[in-house]
C-alpha cells in the first residue's frame, strides 16, 4: 500500500467518524431535549407504548456508540499509528 493510498483511507475513516458522531449527537439531542415530541411521533409511527420506547432509545444509542467506536474510530486510530 502506498503512503498516498494509506493517507486517503485514513482520511475516509476520519470523516466517517466525524459524520457518525454528528449523527449520534443529533439523535441524542432529540431523545434528551425533545423527548415528548419524539416519543409521541415514534409511538404513533411504530405502535409501541411510550414506556417501551425509553428502553429502545437507550439500546439504540448504546449500540450506535459501540459501532462508531469499533467501525470508525478504532480503525482511524490504527491507521494514524501505522501511517
N, C-alpha and C. Protein backbone atom coordinates (compact mmCIF):
# COMPACT_ATOMS: atom_id res chain seq x y z
N UNK A 1 0.85 -1.17 0.00
CA UNK A 1 0.00 0.00 0.00
C UNK A 1 0.90 1.24 0.00
N UNK A 2 0.62 2.14 -0.89
CA UNK A 2 1.43 3.34 -0.97
C UNK A 2 1.05 4.34 0.13
N UNK A 3 1.96 5.22 0.49
CA UNK A 3 1.64 6.23 1.51
C UNK A 3 0.45 7.11 1.13
N UNK A 4 0.32 7.36 -0.18
CA UNK A 4 -0.80 8.18 -0.65
C UNK A 4 -2.13 7.47 -0.41
N UNK A 5 -2.18 6.18 -0.72
CA UNK A 5 -3.39 5.39 -0.51
C UNK A 5 -3.71 5.29 0.98
N UNK A 6 -2.70 5.06 1.79
CA UNK A 6 -2.88 4.99 3.24
C UNK A 6 -3.44 6.31 3.77
N UNK A 7 -2.96 7.40 3.27
CA UNK A 7 -3.46 8.72 3.68
C UNK A 7 -4.92 8.93 3.30
N UNK A 8 -5.29 8.45 2.09
CA UNK A 8 -6.67 8.57 1.65
C UNK A 8 -7.61 7.72 2.51
N UNK A 9 -7.21 6.51 2.80
CA UNK A 9 -8.03 5.63 3.63
C UNK A 9 -8.15 6.20 5.04
N UNK A 10 -7.07 6.74 5.57
CA UNK A 10 -7.10 7.38 6.89
C UNK A 10 -8.07 8.55 6.89
N UNK A 11 -8.04 9.35 5.85
CA UNK A 11 -8.96 10.49 5.74
C UNK A 11 -10.41 10.03 5.67
N UNK A 12 -10.66 8.97 4.93
CA UNK A 12 -12.02 8.44 4.83
C UNK A 12 -12.53 8.00 6.20
N UNK A 13 -11.71 7.26 6.94
CA UNK A 13 -12.13 6.82 8.27
C UNK A 13 -12.31 8.00 9.22
N UNK A 14 -11.48 9.01 9.08
CA UNK A 14 -11.62 10.21 9.91
C UNK A 14 -12.95 10.91 9.65
N UNK A 15 -13.29 11.08 8.37
CA UNK A 15 -14.55 11.73 8.04
C UNK A 15 -15.75 10.86 8.41
N UNK A 16 -15.61 9.54 8.26
CA UNK A 16 -16.70 8.65 8.69
C UNK A 16 -16.96 8.81 10.18
N UNK A 17 -15.89 8.92 10.95
CA UNK A 17 -16.02 9.10 12.40
C UNK A 17 -16.73 10.41 12.71
N UNK A 18 -16.33 11.47 12.07
CA UNK A 18 -16.94 12.78 12.31
C UNK A 18 -18.43 12.78 11.96
N UNK A 19 -18.76 12.25 10.78
CA UNK A 19 -20.16 12.22 10.34
C UNK A 19 -21.01 11.38 11.30
N UNK A 20 -20.51 10.23 11.70
CA UNK A 20 -21.28 9.37 12.60
C UNK A 20 -21.42 9.98 13.99
N UNK A 21 -20.40 10.66 14.47
CA UNK A 21 -20.53 11.33 15.77
C UNK A 21 -21.55 12.47 15.69
N UNK A 22 -21.58 13.19 14.59
CA UNK A 22 -22.59 14.23 14.41
C UNK A 22 -24.00 13.64 14.36
N UNK A 23 -24.18 12.53 13.66
CA UNK A 23 -25.49 11.88 13.62
C UNK A 23 -25.89 11.36 15.00
N UNK A 24 -24.94 10.81 15.74
CA UNK A 24 -25.19 10.34 17.09
C UNK A 24 -25.61 11.51 17.99
N UNK A 25 -24.91 12.63 17.89
CA UNK A 25 -25.23 13.80 18.68
C UNK A 25 -26.61 14.34 18.34
N UNK A 26 -26.94 14.35 17.06
CA UNK A 26 -28.26 14.80 16.59
C UNK A 26 -29.36 13.92 17.18
N UNK A 27 -29.17 12.61 17.12
CA UNK A 27 -30.17 11.68 17.67
C UNK A 27 -30.28 11.83 19.18
N UNK A 28 -29.15 11.94 19.85
CA UNK A 28 -29.16 12.09 21.31
C UNK A 28 -29.83 13.40 21.72
N UNK A 29 -29.60 14.46 20.96
CA UNK A 29 -30.24 15.75 21.24
C UNK A 29 -31.76 15.61 21.24
N UNK A 30 -32.29 14.99 20.20
CA UNK A 30 -33.74 14.84 20.11
C UNK A 30 -34.29 13.94 21.21
N UNK A 31 -33.56 12.90 21.54
CA UNK A 31 -34.03 11.98 22.58
C UNK A 31 -33.99 12.65 23.95
N UNK A 32 -33.00 13.48 24.21
CA UNK A 32 -32.86 14.11 25.53
C UNK A 32 -33.72 15.38 25.65
N UNK A 33 -33.65 16.26 24.66
CA UNK A 33 -34.28 17.57 24.79
C UNK A 33 -35.67 17.67 24.16
N UNK A 34 -36.01 16.80 23.26
CA UNK A 34 -37.32 16.80 22.61
C UNK A 34 -38.05 15.48 22.87
N UNK A 35 -37.88 14.98 24.08
CA UNK A 35 -38.37 13.65 24.45
C UNK A 35 -39.86 13.47 24.17
N UNK A 36 -40.69 14.39 24.64
CA UNK A 36 -42.13 14.24 24.49
C UNK A 36 -42.54 14.18 23.02
N UNK A 37 -41.98 15.10 22.24
CA UNK A 37 -42.34 15.15 20.82
C UNK A 37 -41.88 13.89 20.08
N UNK A 38 -40.63 13.49 20.30
CA UNK A 38 -40.08 12.34 19.58
C UNK A 38 -40.73 11.03 20.02
N UNK A 39 -41.06 10.94 21.33
CA UNK A 39 -41.72 9.73 21.82
C UNK A 39 -43.13 9.64 21.27
N UNK A 40 -43.83 10.76 21.19
CA UNK A 40 -45.17 10.76 20.60
C UNK A 40 -45.14 10.35 19.14
N UNK A 41 -44.17 10.89 18.40
CA UNK A 41 -44.02 10.57 16.98
C UNK A 41 -43.72 9.09 16.78
N UNK A 42 -42.73 8.57 17.50
CA UNK A 42 -42.36 7.16 17.34
C UNK A 42 -43.45 6.22 17.84
N UNK A 43 -44.15 6.63 18.88
CA UNK A 43 -45.24 5.81 19.40
C UNK A 43 -46.34 5.67 18.36
N UNK A 44 -46.68 6.77 17.70
CA UNK A 44 -47.71 6.72 16.64
C UNK A 44 -47.22 5.95 15.42
N UNK A 45 -45.99 6.19 15.01
CA UNK A 45 -45.47 5.55 13.80
C UNK A 45 -45.26 4.05 13.97
N UNK A 46 -44.72 3.65 15.11
CA UNK A 46 -44.32 2.26 15.31
C UNK A 46 -45.33 1.44 16.11
N UNK A 47 -46.29 2.10 16.72
CA UNK A 47 -47.27 1.40 17.52
C UNK A 47 -46.69 0.81 18.79
N UNK A 48 -45.68 1.45 19.34
CA UNK A 48 -45.02 0.98 20.56
C UNK A 48 -45.45 1.90 21.70
N UNK A 49 -45.70 1.32 22.86
CA UNK A 49 -46.04 2.13 24.03
C UNK A 49 -44.87 3.04 24.39
N UNK A 50 -45.16 4.21 24.92
CA UNK A 50 -44.10 5.16 25.26
C UNK A 50 -43.20 4.64 26.37
N UNK A 51 -43.72 3.78 27.24
CA UNK A 51 -42.87 3.20 28.30
C UNK A 51 -41.76 2.33 27.70
N UNK A 52 -42.06 1.62 26.63
CA UNK A 52 -41.08 0.77 25.99
C UNK A 52 -40.07 1.52 25.15
N UNK A 53 -40.41 2.73 24.76
CA UNK A 53 -39.52 3.50 23.90
C UNK A 53 -38.23 3.93 24.60
N UNK A 54 -38.31 4.23 25.89
CA UNK A 54 -37.09 4.66 26.59
C UNK A 54 -36.04 3.57 26.56
N UNK A 55 -36.46 2.33 26.74
CA UNK A 55 -35.52 1.21 26.67
C UNK A 55 -34.95 1.07 25.27
N UNK A 56 -35.80 1.23 24.27
CA UNK A 56 -35.33 1.15 22.88
C UNK A 56 -34.36 2.27 22.55
N UNK A 57 -34.62 3.47 23.03
CA UNK A 57 -33.71 4.60 22.79
C UNK A 57 -32.35 4.36 23.44
N UNK A 58 -32.37 3.90 24.68
CA UNK A 58 -31.12 3.64 25.40
C UNK A 58 -30.31 2.57 24.67
N UNK A 59 -30.99 1.52 24.23
CA UNK A 59 -30.33 0.44 23.50
C UNK A 59 -29.77 0.95 22.17
N UNK A 60 -30.56 1.75 21.46
CA UNK A 60 -30.14 2.31 20.18
C UNK A 60 -28.88 3.16 20.33
N UNK A 61 -28.91 4.10 21.29
CA UNK A 61 -27.76 4.97 21.48
C UNK A 61 -26.52 4.20 21.91
N UNK A 62 -26.69 3.22 22.78
CA UNK A 62 -25.56 2.41 23.23
C UNK A 62 -24.96 1.60 22.09
N UNK A 63 -25.82 0.95 21.30
CA UNK A 63 -25.33 0.15 20.18
C UNK A 63 -24.67 1.02 19.11
N UNK A 64 -25.26 2.17 18.84
CA UNK A 64 -24.71 3.07 17.83
C UNK A 64 -23.33 3.57 18.26
N UNK A 65 -23.18 3.88 19.56
CA UNK A 65 -21.89 4.33 20.07
C UNK A 65 -20.83 3.24 19.92
N UNK A 66 -21.19 2.00 20.22
CA UNK A 66 -20.25 0.88 20.08
C UNK A 66 -19.84 0.72 18.62
N UNK A 67 -20.80 0.84 17.71
CA UNK A 67 -20.49 0.70 16.28
C UNK A 67 -19.58 1.83 15.82
N UNK A 68 -19.82 3.04 16.26
CA UNK A 68 -18.96 4.17 15.88
C UNK A 68 -17.53 3.91 16.35
N UNK A 69 -17.40 3.48 17.60
CA UNK A 69 -16.06 3.26 18.15
C UNK A 69 -15.35 2.13 17.43
N UNK A 70 -16.03 0.99 17.24
CA UNK A 70 -15.36 -0.18 16.66
C UNK A 70 -15.17 -0.11 15.15
N UNK A 71 -16.09 0.53 14.45
CA UNK A 71 -16.02 0.53 12.99
C UNK A 71 -15.42 1.79 12.38
N UNK A 72 -15.37 2.86 13.15
CA UNK A 72 -14.84 4.12 12.62
C UNK A 72 -13.63 4.62 13.39
N UNK A 73 -13.78 4.79 14.69
CA UNK A 73 -12.73 5.42 15.49
C UNK A 73 -11.48 4.54 15.65
N UNK A 74 -11.67 3.29 16.01
CA UNK A 74 -10.51 2.40 16.22
C UNK A 74 -9.72 2.19 14.92
N UNK A 75 -10.38 1.92 13.78
CA UNK A 75 -9.59 1.81 12.54
C UNK A 75 -8.86 3.11 12.18
N UNK A 76 -9.49 4.26 12.43
CA UNK A 76 -8.83 5.55 12.16
C UNK A 76 -7.58 5.71 13.03
N UNK A 77 -7.71 5.37 14.31
CA UNK A 77 -6.55 5.46 15.22
C UNK A 77 -5.44 4.51 14.76
N UNK A 78 -5.81 3.29 14.38
CA UNK A 78 -4.82 2.32 13.90
C UNK A 78 -4.12 2.82 12.64
N UNK A 79 -4.88 3.39 11.73
CA UNK A 79 -4.28 3.92 10.50
C UNK A 79 -3.37 5.11 10.80
N UNK A 80 -3.74 5.94 11.77
CA UNK A 80 -2.88 7.05 12.16
C UNK A 80 -1.56 6.54 12.75
N UNK A 81 -1.63 5.47 13.52
CA UNK A 81 -0.42 4.88 14.12
C UNK A 81 0.47 4.29 13.03
N UNK A 82 -0.12 3.57 12.09
CA UNK A 82 0.65 2.93 11.03
C UNK A 82 1.25 3.97 10.09
N UNK A 83 0.47 4.99 9.77
CA UNK A 83 0.90 5.99 8.80
C UNK A 83 1.76 7.00 9.44
